[in-house]
Structures are given as C-alpha cells and as structure tokens.
Amino acid sequence: MATVTMSKKACSVNPLKMSQPVGGAFAYLGVRGAMPLLHGPQGCTSFALTLLVRHFKEAVPLQTTAMSEVATVLGGYDNVEQAILNIYSRTKPEIIGINSTGVTETKGDDVEAFIRQVRQKHPQLEKCPLVYVATPDFKDAFQDGWDKTVARMVEVLVDPIDAAAPRDPLRVNVLPGCHLTPGDIDELRTTFEDFGLDPSFLPDIGGSLDGHIPDKFTPTTIGGIGVEEIASMGRAAWTVAIGAQMRRAADAMHARTGTPVRLFERLCGLIPNDEFIAFLSEISGRTVPPKYRRQRGQLADAMLDAHFHIGGRKLAIGAEPDLLFDVSSMLHEMGAQIAAAVTTTASPVLERVKSEEVLIGDLEDLEERARGRNCDLLITHAHGRQAASRLKIPFYRAGFPIFDRVGAGHLKTVGYRGTRDLIFDLANLIIADREDNRQPTPDTWRTSDPGFQVVPPQLH
C-alpha cells in the first residue's frame, strides 16, 4: 500500500495540476448546445480556453463574466446578469453552465442567489437551465472540478423518478471520468451497443470533441448529450460510473432516481476489462460477441510480447488520481516498477497505487524523484517534455493537456484494444530508446583495447 504525502513547498514550481474551473468547464463541453461560463476575470477564462483549444485543436465555446477589480470588491451580480443575458440572446444555448474561480470565491459571491434574482427579473430565461458549481482554483484540481460539475448536473437536470417505476431494461447511464478521452468514449459506446444496450453518456465528450466538422457553425457545443436525454436518465436500468471520481455523481443519480449503480475504477488492463465485459453480458442477457474474445486474445499476446521490454523498467508517472491509478496498475501487472508517482489531489485510490509513495505535488517533484531513482520512462502531460529532455529518458504524453501533438482526443487506454495499443506505444518507446545506444547490444559492444581486432571465422 502506497504512502500518500503532500509536498511541503511554499509554491508550485512547475505545475502538474490543472485548475478546478477548467475541469468544470470541460464537463459542460460534453452537453449539446452548452455554453460554459466562468465567473471571474477574463484572464482565468483565457487560460482555460487556451488549454482546451490547444489540446483538442478545435473551436471551444467558453465565456466569462469579466470581473474587474472594482466589480470584484463590490460584488458580481451585474456581471453575472449581463453575461447570462448576452449569452442567451446571442447564442441561444440549450444550457448555460457556470463555474466560479478563485477571485469570486475569495470575495464570497452568492451565485445561486444571483441566478434566482436573474430568473425573477427576466422571465424569458424560465426554460433555460442555469447550472452553477463552486470550483475555486486555489484548492483541489481538474478532476475535482469535473466530478463536482457532473454531480451537480445530475442533481439539477435529471428528473426524479420513483424507484419502483418501470425502466427501460436496455438503457444504461454512463458517467465517465475526466481521464477518459473522446476516443475512449467512442470505444465504450461501441462496446455497450455490441451487447444491444443503449448508453447515455454524461458528459458525452465523444460526441462533441471528437474532431468532426459540423455542417454549419454553431456558437455553442456541437454534439454531446442533450438536456432532454439527461432529464430522462432516471428511466435507465443501470448507471455505470467509470473512475473513482464519479462516485459522487453516481450516488446523486441513485438518490434521485433509485437506479442501481456499478462503479468500475479501472478499464485499462486485462482483468478490469474481463470484469466489465462479464457485467455487460450479465445485464444484457447476451453472450460475449466473438470480436471481444478475439480482442482479449490480442491483448494477452501483446502483454506477452511487450513484457520483455516493459518488465523490470522503472517508471515515473504524473497524472490525475484516476489516470495514475489506472495506468500504473496495468504497468505493474506487466512487471514494471512504479518508482515515482506524483498526482494533483487527494483520492481514495491513491493508497492502492503500486508504489512506495504517492506525492501530491508538481512536475518538479516528479523530475527530482525520477532522477534520484534512475527511471527509464516518464509519463505525464505535455508540460513534462522539458523534464524528460533533461533526464534523457523516453517520454509518453498522457492526460490533459497534450498541446504539442495532434490526435490527443483520439488516444485510447480503455478496453482490450485501448490497453493493447497503450502497451505497444510504451514498449516501442523503450525499444527506440535502446536503439539510440542508451543500452549496449551485441551490435554496439566495443572494446577499450585499440589494438584488438575481431577476426571473422574461417569457413572450411
């Protein structure tokens, strides 16, 4: 069991974590026709927008209440009111999702009261959902902002239903964690549908941030789950939550609708996917399709092929808790040693990471531990590229943001195929590093004696 410790530094030197408001806004991007709104200065929104646009290489809708110094001191009601009215009149959103920032949380703005006043004053907003979540960026992290926002959407948008009410036996609610990519969502959607199930993802970034080009421009999110579909989620037979961070949202769904819940903390690796596929077979009443038996065999073969390269390696990983737990557990099962593990925020899964210590810290902490423990591979988001260069070890980009490569939204780590592809990518990085003469091979052996000559064997 890992010992979880907190960095004692006075400041974050090279940040690993992304802030709560970014995670909250990201969750709204998985809802169709949504306009995320950050209640704070323009700089907070600009920073979040830059990260999201550079990661997905897509136009991302995100607005701000544009709080000035004076407005912050006097209170932000006027800014919130004007922002909501401008967004409603100009973009016609299906939902406006509001997240607070550090400045407005420090001031203590009562945004829920602001929203009630705005609705009373402007009855035309009656049918426009306004969802507010407190996400100060001086505490917690990206993952916390996401899970709080998803839970709040469940509480506000899902219609309550009697637990004894009839349900659609083929409908399944899916609550994915922020560590899953649009590519992961699409892989899971296909898997559910192959068992004859009808999944409703909340949020559904696979439908909105998968890189497709719409037929016409829209100022709000394109694709994703609709507000009407969210409202009817209580009619589903099951709720499947993916990642420990989604327990809060799953509990909210169960409390509101009585829908039974199944939480999968991991979907990267052989055994977690065996359990997932067995569960889908059980609730659907269908046998496992042959394609998944074949994919399982491919993953087992990939693990056999790659363990010669991954087994015994010392790895350094920096990521949000659920991603850290998921990927590190799979690599531990492959025989790798998690020599350095750094994360962003507290989580109950951290104690089960297969490492001696998990530090809640920054990329400087990760680099120091990777250097001190002679790690062979660094895994974190794109801000870790300079550390990998200084350490002179291979670097695998995982998590958010990845702004220096294309296709980040289509990376997959879930399912048999996602795990297989991740194993191949990591093994190939290690092989390529060895071919660059970091380690001696029969082709690179040299002798220190300049007079020594290799005499080729004589054929008789």
Protein backbone atom coordinates (compact mmCIF):
# COMPACT_ATOMS: atom_id res chain seq x y z
CA MET A 1 0.00 0.00 0.00
CA ALA A 2 1.37 3.40 -1.02
CA THR A 3 2.04 6.16 1.48
CA VAL A 4 0.31 9.35 0.34
CA THR A 5 2.18 12.55 1.17
CA MET A 6 1.74 16.24 0.39
CA SER A 7 4.51 18.42 -0.98
CA LYS A 8 5.75 20.91 1.63
CA LYS A 9 6.98 23.51 -0.85
CA ALA A 10 5.69 27.06 -0.45
CA CYS A 11 4.64 27.22 -4.10
CA SER A 12 4.23 25.04 -7.17
CA VAL A 13 7.35 25.49 -9.29
CA ASN A 14 6.32 23.57 -12.39
CA PRO A 15 2.59 22.80 -12.05
CA LEU A 16 1.25 19.34 -12.77
CA LYS A 17 -2.37 20.05 -11.93
CA MET A 18 -4.91 21.94 -14.00
CA SER A 19 -7.43 24.00 -12.04
CA GLN A 20 -10.96 23.12 -10.93
CA PRO A 21 -12.70 25.68 -13.20
CA VAL A 22 -11.05 24.13 -16.26
CA GLY A 23 -12.33 20.69 -15.22
CA GLY A 24 -15.81 22.08 -14.62
CA ALA A 25 -15.96 23.85 -17.98
CA PHE A 26 -14.67 20.69 -19.64
CA ALA A 27 -17.62 18.73 -18.25
CA TYR A 28 -20.13 21.18 -19.74
CA LEU A 29 -18.49 20.72 -23.15
CA GLY A 30 -19.98 17.21 -23.25
CA VAL A 31 -23.55 18.59 -23.28
CA ARG A 32 -25.19 19.57 -26.58
CA GLY A 33 -25.84 23.27 -27.11
CA ALA A 34 -24.00 24.26 -23.92
CA MET A 35 -22.19 27.48 -23.16
CA PRO A 36 -19.74 27.20 -20.23
CA LEU A 37 -19.33 30.46 -18.29
CA LEU A 38 -16.52 31.16 -15.83
CA HIS A 39 -17.41 33.69 -13.15
CA GLY A 40 -14.17 35.59 -12.74
CA PRO A 41 -11.64 37.80 -14.53
CA GLN A 42 -11.01 37.48 -18.25
CA GLY A 43 -7.56 36.02 -17.60
CA CYS A 44 -8.97 32.92 -15.90
CA THR A 45 -11.18 32.15 -18.91
CA SER A 46 -8.40 32.93 -21.42
CA PHE A 47 -6.08 30.47 -19.67
CA ALA A 48 -8.71 27.70 -19.67
CA LEU A 49 -9.68 28.38 -23.28
CA THR A 50 -6.07 28.27 -24.43
CA LEU A 51 -5.51 24.87 -22.83
CA LEU A 52 -8.70 23.36 -24.26
CA VAL A 53 -8.18 24.73 -27.78
CA ARG A 54 -4.53 23.65 -27.95
CA HIS A 55 -5.36 20.16 -26.65
CA PHE A 56 -8.29 19.40 -28.96
CA LYS A 57 -7.29 21.64 -31.91
CA GLU A 58 -10.96 22.65 -32.09
CA ALA A 59 -13.06 25.76 -31.55
CA VAL A 60 -14.21 25.66 -27.92
CA PRO A 61 -17.11 27.81 -26.62
CA LEU A 62 -16.26 29.45 -23.30
CA GLN A 63 -17.45 32.77 -21.89
CA THR A 64 -16.56 34.97 -18.90
CA THR A 65 -18.29 37.38 -16.54
CA ALA A 66 -15.20 39.60 -16.99
CA MET A 67 -14.86 40.68 -13.37
CA SER A 68 -12.77 43.82 -12.85
CA GLU A 69 -11.08 44.85 -9.63
CA VAL A 70 -13.97 47.18 -8.72
CA ALA A 71 -16.68 44.62 -9.61
CA THR A 72 -14.90 42.00 -7.53
CA VAL A 73 -14.91 44.23 -4.45
CA LEU A 74 -18.49 45.46 -4.88
CA GLY A 75 -19.97 42.11 -5.92
CA GLY A 76 -20.54 40.34 -9.22
CA TYR A 77 -24.34 40.35 -9.63
CA ASP A 78 -24.35 42.84 -12.50
CA ASN A 79 -21.63 40.93 -14.35
CA VAL A 80 -23.41 37.59 -13.93
CA GLU A 81 -26.72 39.07 -15.08
CA GLN A 82 -25.22 40.75 -18.14
CA ALA A 83 -23.23 37.66 -19.12
CA ILE A 84 -26.28 35.37 -18.90
CA LEU A 85 -28.47 37.78 -20.91
CA ASN A 86 -25.82 38.30 -23.60
CA ILE A 87 -25.24 34.56 -23.97
CA TYR A 88 -28.98 33.80 -24.05
CA SER A 89 -29.82 36.46 -26.65
CA ARG A 90 -26.83 35.94 -28.93
CA THR A 91 -26.09 32.20 -28.89
CA LYS A 92 -29.45 30.61 -27.96
CA PRO A 93 -27.87 27.90 -25.76
CA GLU A 94 -29.73 24.84 -24.51
CA ILE A 95 -27.93 25.21 -21.17
CA ILE A 96 -25.57 27.71 -19.51
CA GLY A 97 -23.09 26.09 -17.15
CA ILE A 98 -21.42 28.41 -14.64
CA ASN A 99 -18.24 27.72 -12.65
CA SER A 100 -16.69 30.05 -10.12
CA THR A 101 -12.99 30.93 -9.94
CA GLY A 102 -10.62 31.81 -7.13
CA VAL A 103 -11.24 35.55 -7.17
CA THR A 104 -15.02 35.36 -6.85
CA GLU A 105 -14.83 32.57 -4.28
CA THR A 106 -12.48 34.67 -2.16
CA LYS A 107 -14.95 37.57 -2.37
CA GLY A 108 -17.79 35.19 -1.46
CA ASP A 109 -20.28 35.87 -4.25
CA ASP A 110 -23.57 34.01 -3.70
CA VAL A 111 -24.06 32.98 -7.32
CA GLU A 112 -27.06 30.76 -6.58
CA ALA A 113 -28.83 33.84 -5.18
CA PHE A 114 -27.71 35.83 -8.24
CA ILE A 115 -29.30 33.22 -10.52
CA ARG A 116 -32.60 33.34 -8.61
CA GLN A 117 -32.67 37.13 -8.93
CA VAL A 118 -31.87 36.97 -12.65
CA ARG A 119 -34.69 34.48 -13.25
CA GLN A 120 -37.20 36.63 -11.33
CA LYS A 121 -36.16 39.71 -13.26
CA HIS A 122 -36.04 38.05 -16.71
CA PRO A 123 -38.86 35.52 -17.16
CA GLN A 124 -37.66 34.68 -20.68
CA LEU A 125 -34.94 32.59 -19.01
CA GLU A 126 -37.51 30.29 -17.41
CA LYS A 127 -36.84 27.34 -19.74
CA CYS A 128 -33.05 27.82 -20.00
CA PRO A 129 -31.20 25.62 -17.48
CA LEU A 130 -28.63 27.54 -15.45
CA VAL A 131 -26.31 25.18 -13.57
CA TYR A 132 -23.81 26.65 -11.11
CA VAL A 133 -20.90 24.88 -9.40
CA ALA A 134 -18.40 26.36 -6.93
CA THR A 135 -14.93 25.46 -8.23
CA PRO A 136 -12.29 27.75 -6.67
CA ASP A 137 -8.93 27.23 -8.32
CA PHE A 138 -6.98 27.80 -5.09
CA LYS A 139 -7.95 24.30 -3.93
CA ASP A 140 -8.47 20.84 -5.41
CA ALA A 141 -7.75 20.13 -9.09
CA PHE A 142 -9.05 19.40 -12.59
CA GLN A 143 -10.56 16.05 -11.61
CA ASP A 144 -12.46 17.62 -8.70
CA GLY A 145 -13.97 20.32 -10.92
CA TRP A 146 -15.18 17.69 -13.36
CA ASP A 147 -16.76 15.39 -10.76
CA LYS A 148 -18.47 18.24 -8.88
CA THR A 149 -19.93 19.60 -12.11
CA VAL A 150 -21.22 16.23 -13.32
CA ALA A 151 -22.81 15.56 -9.92
CA ARG A 152 -24.46 18.97 -9.96
CA MET A 153 -25.84 18.40 -13.46
CA VAL A 154 -27.38 15.17 -12.20
CA GLU A 155 -28.96 16.98 -9.24
CA VAL A 156 -30.38 19.82 -11.35
CA LEU A 157 -31.19 18.30 -14.74
CA VAL A 158 -32.26 14.68 -14.10
CA ASP A 159 -35.97 14.30 -13.43
CA PRO A 160 -36.65 12.47 -10.15
CA ILE A 161 -38.41 9.14 -10.55
CA ASP A 162 -39.87 6.61 -8.17
CA ALA A 163 -37.53 3.71 -7.56
CA ALA A 164 -40.36 1.28 -8.32
CA ALA A 165 -41.23 2.92 -11.66
CA PRO A 166 -40.80 0.79 -14.79
CA ARG A 167 -37.44 1.15 -16.52
CA ASP A 168 -36.01 0.50 -19.96
CA PRO A 169 -34.03 -2.74 -19.47
CA LEU A 170 -31.65 -1.89 -22.32
CA ARG A 171 -30.88 1.69 -21.33
CA VAL A 172 -27.70 2.37 -19.33
CA ASN A 173 -26.43 5.64 -17.88
CA VAL A 174 -22.66 6.02 -18.20
CA LEU A 175 -20.79 8.55 -16.03
CA PRO A 176 -17.21 8.74 -17.41
CA GLY A 177 -14.33 10.32 -15.52
CA CYS A 178 -12.30 13.21 -16.92
CA HIS A 179 -9.36 10.85 -17.57
CA LEU A 180 -11.28 9.31 -20.48
CA THR A 181 -10.78 10.82 -23.95
CA PRO A 182 -13.34 11.18 -26.75
CA GLY A 183 -11.66 8.12 -28.25
CA ASP A 184 -12.28 6.21 -25.00
CA ILE A 185 -15.94 7.30 -25.00
CA ASP A 186 -16.40 6.08 -28.58
CA GLU A 187 -14.78 2.74 -27.72
CA LEU A 188 -17.10 2.30 -24.74
CA ARG A 189 -20.15 3.34 -26.75
CA THR A 190 -19.40 0.67 -29.35
CA THR A 191 -18.93 -1.94 -26.63
CA PHE A 192 -22.28 -1.15 -24.98
CA GLU A 193 -24.06 -1.21 -28.34
CA ASP A 194 -22.49 -4.55 -29.29
CA PHE A 195 -24.34 -6.01 -26.30
CA GLY A 196 -27.62 -4.49 -27.50
CA LEU A 197 -27.55 -1.76 -24.83
CA ASP A 198 -28.44 1.91 -25.29
CA PRO A 199 -25.88 4.05 -23.40
CA SER A 200 -26.39 7.68 -22.35
CA PHE A 201 -23.05 9.31 -21.50
CA LEU A 202 -22.96 12.28 -19.13
CA PRO A 203 -20.90 14.14 -20.19
CA ASP A 204 -20.51 12.89 -23.76
CA ILE A 205 -17.29 14.50 -25.00
CA GLY A 206 -17.08 11.68 -27.54
CA GLY A 207 -20.00 13.33 -29.33
CA SER A 208 -18.76 16.91 -29.06
CA LEU A 209 -14.94 16.92 -29.03
CA ASP A 210 -14.13 14.03 -31.39
CA GLY A 211 -12.81 16.36 -34.10
CA HIS A 212 -15.69 16.19 -36.57
CA ILE A 213 -16.59 19.12 -38.82
CA PRO A 214 -20.23 20.21 -38.46
CA ASP A 215 -22.46 21.08 -41.39
CA LYS A 216 -22.84 24.64 -40.12
CA PHE A 217 -21.25 26.84 -37.49
CA THR A 218 -22.76 26.96 -34.03
CA PRO A 219 -21.55 29.23 -31.21
CA THR A 220 -22.30 26.57 -28.58
CA THR A 221 -21.07 22.98 -28.22
CA ILE A 222 -21.69 20.66 -31.16
CA GLY A 223 -22.85 17.16 -30.34
CA GLY A 224 -22.89 15.63 -26.90
CA ILE A 225 -25.84 14.58 -24.77
CA GLY A 226 -28.99 16.72 -24.94
CA VAL A 227 -30.76 18.26 -21.97
CA GLU A 228 -33.88 16.18 -22.70
CA GLU A 229 -31.88 12.96 -22.64
CA ILE A 230 -30.29 13.96 -19.33
CA ALA A 231 -33.73 14.61 -17.87
CA SER A 232 -34.84 11.06 -18.73
CA MET A 233 -31.79 9.25 -17.34
CA GLY A 234 -33.82 8.04 -14.36
CA ARG A 235 -35.59 5.56 -16.65
CA ALA A 236 -32.40 3.59 -17.25
CA ALA A 237 -31.97 0.12 -15.79
CA TRP A 238 -28.37 0.73 -14.66
CA THR A 239 -25.86 3.50 -14.00
CA VAL A 240 -22.23 2.67 -14.80
CA ALA A 241 -19.60 5.01 -13.34
CA ILE A 242 -16.02 4.85 -14.61
CA GLY A 243 -13.32 6.11 -12.28
CA ALA A 244 -13.44 6.62 -8.51
CA GLN A 245 -14.00 10.34 -9.08
CA MET A 246 -17.51 9.55 -10.38
CA ARG A 247 -18.78 8.05 -7.13
CA ARG A 248 -20.28 11.41 -6.12
CA ALA A 249 -22.26 11.68 -9.39
CA ALA A 250 -23.30 8.02 -9.20
CA ASP A 251 -24.58 8.49 -5.64
CA ALA A 252 -26.50 11.58 -6.78
CA MET A 253 -28.09 9.59 -9.61
CA HIS A 254 -29.06 6.78 -7.26
CA ALA A 255 -30.51 9.18 -4.69
CA ARG A 256 -32.55 11.00 -7.35
CA THR A 257 -33.81 8.03 -9.37
CA GLY A 258 -33.10 4.81 -7.47
CA THR A 259 -31.15 3.45 -10.45
CA PRO A 260 -28.71 0.71 -9.37
CA VAL A 261 -25.05 1.68 -9.74
CA ARG A 262 -21.92 -0.22 -10.75
CA LEU A 263 -18.58 1.57 -10.38
CA PHE A 264 -15.52 0.49 -12.37
CA GLU A 265 -12.39 2.17 -11.00
CA ARG A 266 -10.27 0.86 -13.88
CA LEU A 267 -10.78 -0.06 -17.53
CA CYS A 268 -7.12 -0.36 -18.56
CA GLY A 269 -5.78 -3.89 -18.24
CA LEU A 270 -6.85 -7.47 -18.79
CA ILE A 271 -8.70 -8.30 -15.57
CA PRO A 272 -10.66 -4.99 -15.33
CA ASN A 273 -11.96 -5.49 -18.85
CA ASP A 274 -12.83 -9.11 -18.18
CA GLU A 275 -15.00 -7.89 -15.30
CA PHE A 276 -16.52 -5.13 -17.45
CA ILE A 277 -17.40 -7.45 -20.34
CA ALA A 278 -18.83 -10.04 -17.95
CA PHE A 279 -21.02 -7.34 -16.39
CA LEU A 280 -22.36 -6.21 -19.76
CA SER A 281 -23.11 -9.82 -20.67
CA GLU A 282 -24.99 -10.25 -17.38
CA ILE A 283 -27.19 -7.14 -17.59
CA SER A 284 -27.92 -7.56 -21.31
CA GLY A 285 -28.58 -11.30 -21.15
CA ARG A 286 -26.36 -11.82 -24.19
CA THR A 287 -23.29 -13.93 -24.70
CA VAL A 288 -19.99 -12.15 -25.30
CA PRO A 289 -19.60 -11.37 -29.04
CA PRO A 290 -16.73 -13.27 -30.71
CA LYS A 291 -14.93 -10.00 -31.52
CA TYR A 292 -14.24 -9.39 -27.83
CA ARG A 293 -12.91 -12.89 -27.31
CA ARG A 294 -10.50 -12.23 -30.17
CA GLN A 295 -9.56 -8.78 -28.80
CA ARG A 296 -8.87 -10.37 -25.43
CA GLY A 297 -6.54 -12.84 -27.09
CA GLN A 298 -4.78 -9.99 -28.89
CA LEU A 299 -4.26 -8.16 -25.60
CA ALA A 300 -2.89 -11.28 -23.91
CA ASP A 301 -0.48 -11.76 -26.82
CA ALA A 302 0.54 -8.07 -26.68
CA MET A 303 1.29 -8.42 -22.97
CA LEU A 304 3.41 -11.47 -23.68
CA ASP A 305 5.32 -9.73 -26.49
CA ALA A 306 5.89 -6.46 -24.62
CA HIS A 307 6.71 -7.71 -21.14
CA PHE A 308 10.30 -8.39 -22.27
CA HIS A 309 10.67 -4.63 -22.81
CA ILE A 310 8.42 -3.21 -20.07
CA GLY A 311 9.06 -5.73 -17.28
CA GLY A 312 11.64 -4.55 -14.76
CA ARG A 313 11.67 -0.96 -16.00
CA LYS A 314 11.48 1.91 -13.52
CA LEU A 315 8.73 4.32 -14.48
CA ALA A 316 7.84 7.84 -13.33
CA ILE A 317 4.18 8.86 -13.69
CA GLY A 318 2.49 12.19 -13.03
CA ALA A 319 -1.27 12.37 -13.56
CA GLU A 320 -4.70 12.99 -12.04
CA PRO A 321 -5.50 10.27 -9.45
CA ASP A 322 -7.77 8.06 -11.57
CA LEU A 323 -5.45 8.11 -14.59
CA LEU A 324 -2.43 7.46 -12.35
CA PHE A 325 -4.15 4.51 -10.67
CA ASP A 326 -5.44 3.05 -13.94
CA VAL A 327 -2.23 3.19 -15.99
CA SER A 328 0.19 2.42 -13.15
CA SER A 329 -1.83 -0.64 -12.12
CA MET A 330 -1.71 -2.02 -15.65
CA LEU A 331 2.04 -1.41 -15.92
CA HIS A 332 2.64 -3.02 -12.54
CA GLU A 333 0.81 -6.09 -13.84
CA MET A 334 3.21 -6.00 -16.80
CA GLY A 335 6.17 -6.24 -14.41
CA ALA A 336 7.17 -2.57 -14.39
CA GLN A 337 8.24 -0.79 -11.20
CA ILE A 338 6.42 2.47 -10.41
CA ALA A 339 9.45 4.19 -8.93
CA ALA A 340 8.00 7.73 -8.88
CA ALA A 341 4.30 8.65 -8.65
CA VAL A 342 3.06 12.23 -8.36
CA THR A 343 -0.55 13.38 -8.53
CA THR A 344 -2.66 16.52 -8.18
CA THR A 345 -5.30 15.99 -5.50
CA ALA A 346 -6.46 13.57 -2.81
CA SER A 347 -8.35 10.41 -3.76
CA PRO A 348 -9.18 7.10 -2.05
CA VAL A 349 -7.46 5.15 -4.85
CA LEU A 350 -4.02 6.64 -4.20
CA GLU A 351 -3.21 4.28 -1.33
CA ARG A 352 -3.66 1.36 -3.76
CA VAL A 353 -1.19 2.65 -6.34
CA LYS A 354 1.61 0.07 -6.67
CA SER A 355 4.35 2.38 -5.47
CA GLU A 356 6.06 3.03 -2.15
CA GLU A 357 4.91 6.65 -2.13
CA VAL A 358 2.42 8.84 -3.98
CA LEU A 359 3.17 12.54 -3.66
CA ILE A 360 0.58 15.26 -4.20
CA GLY A 361 2.92 17.74 -5.83
CA ASP A 362 4.16 19.19 -9.11
CA LEU A 363 6.35 18.31 -12.08
CA GLU A 364 9.50 19.47 -10.28
CA ASP A 365 8.81 16.82 -7.63
CA LEU A 366 8.29 14.22 -10.36
CA GLU A 367 11.55 15.15 -12.08
CA GLU A 368 13.56 15.02 -8.84
CA ARG A 369 12.22 11.58 -7.97
CA ALA A 370 12.69 10.26 -11.49
CA ARG A 371 16.32 11.41 -11.45
CA GLY A 372 17.05 10.09 -7.98
CA ARG A 373 15.60 6.67 -8.76
CA ASN A 374 17.11 6.31 -12.26
CA CYS A 375 13.78 5.94 -14.03
CA ASP A 376 13.65 4.60 -17.58
CA LEU A 377 10.44 6.29 -18.79
CA LEU A 378 8.42 9.40 -17.91
CA ILE A 379 4.62 9.50 -18.33
CA THR A 380 2.70 12.76 -17.87
CA HIS A 381 1.04 15.53 -19.88
CA ALA A 382 2.80 17.80 -22.37
CA HIS A 383 4.28 20.10 -19.72
CA GLY A 384 6.62 17.27 -18.75
CA ARG A 385 8.53 17.29 -22.04
CA GLN A 386 11.36 19.51 -20.74
CA ALA A 387 11.85 17.28 -17.70
CA ALA A 388 12.13 14.19 -19.92
CA SER A 389 14.67 16.02 -22.06
CA ARG A 390 16.79 16.92 -19.04
CA LEU A 391 16.51 13.36 -17.70
CA LYS A 392 17.37 11.97 -21.14
CA ILE A 393 14.68 9.30 -20.93
CA PRO A 394 11.72 8.48 -23.23
CA PHE A 395 8.57 10.50 -22.71
CA TYR A 396 4.95 9.33 -23.15
CA ARG A 397 2.24 12.00 -23.18
CA ALA A 398 -0.89 11.13 -21.20
CA GLY A 399 -3.65 13.18 -19.62
CA PHE A 400 -4.52 16.84 -20.13
CA PRO A 401 -3.18 18.94 -21.77
CA ILE A 402 -1.34 17.49 -24.78
CA PHE A 403 -0.78 20.54 -26.95
CA ASP A 404 2.40 19.58 -28.85
CA ARG A 405 0.94 16.59 -30.72
CA VAL A 406 -2.15 16.09 -32.87
CA GLY A 407 -4.80 13.46 -32.21
CA ALA A 408 -4.81 13.73 -28.40
CA GLY A 409 -8.58 13.42 -28.36
CA HIS A 410 -8.44 10.05 -30.10
CA LEU A 411 -5.94 8.32 -27.81
CA LYS A 412 -7.42 5.23 -26.16
CA THR A 413 -6.49 3.40 -22.96
CA VAL A 414 -9.79 1.62 -22.20
CA GLY A 415 -10.98 -1.78 -23.34
CA TYR A 416 -8.92 -4.62 -24.70
CA ARG A 417 -7.90 -2.60 -27.77
CA GLY A 418 -7.05 0.58 -25.87
CA THR A 419 -4.88 -1.34 -23.41
CA ARG A 420 -3.18 -3.22 -26.25
CA ASP A 421 -2.35 -0.01 -28.12
CA LEU A 422 -1.00 1.66 -24.96
CA ILE A 423 1.25 -1.33 -24.27
CA PHE A 424 2.60 -1.24 -27.81
CA ASP A 425 3.25 2.52 -27.67
CA LEU A 426 5.18 2.27 -24.40
CA ALA A 427 7.17 -0.80 -25.46
CA ASN A 428 8.10 0.86 -28.75
CA LEU A 429 9.34 3.96 -26.92
CA ILE A 430 11.62 1.77 -24.82
CA ILE A 431 12.83 -0.17 -27.87
CA ALA A 432 13.58 3.04 -29.77
CA ASP A 433 15.49 4.40 -26.78
CA ARG A 434 17.59 1.23 -26.63
CA GLU A 435 18.32 1.51 -30.35
CA ASP A 436 19.69 5.01 -29.70
CA ASN A 437 22.53 3.30 -27.78
CA ARG A 438 21.32 4.01 -24.28
CA GLN A 439 21.92 0.34 -23.55
CA PRO A 440 24.57 -1.96 -25.07
CA THR A 441 23.52 -4.65 -27.50
CA PRO A 442 25.64 -7.18 -29.46
CA ASP A 443 25.78 -4.65 -32.31
CA THR A 444 27.11 -1.85 -30.11
CA TRP A 445 29.71 -3.68 -27.98
CA ARG A 446 33.15 -2.08 -28.11
CA THR A 447 36.48 -2.96 -26.54
CA SER A 448 38.77 -0.48 -24.80
CA ASP A 449 41.88 -2.06 -26.39
CA PRO A 450 42.60 -0.13 -29.65
CA GLY A 451 44.81 -2.96 -30.87
CA PHE A 452 42.08 -5.55 -30.51
CA GLN A 453 40.65 -6.81 -33.79
CA VAL A 454 37.74 -9.09 -34.38
CA VAL A 455 38.86 -11.97 -36.63
CA PRO A 456 35.96 -13.34 -38.66
CA PRO A 457 35.51 -17.09 -38.50
CA GLN A 458 37.07 -19.09 -41.33
CA LEU A 459 34.78 -21.28 -43.35
CA HIS A 460 36.18 -24.71 -44.27
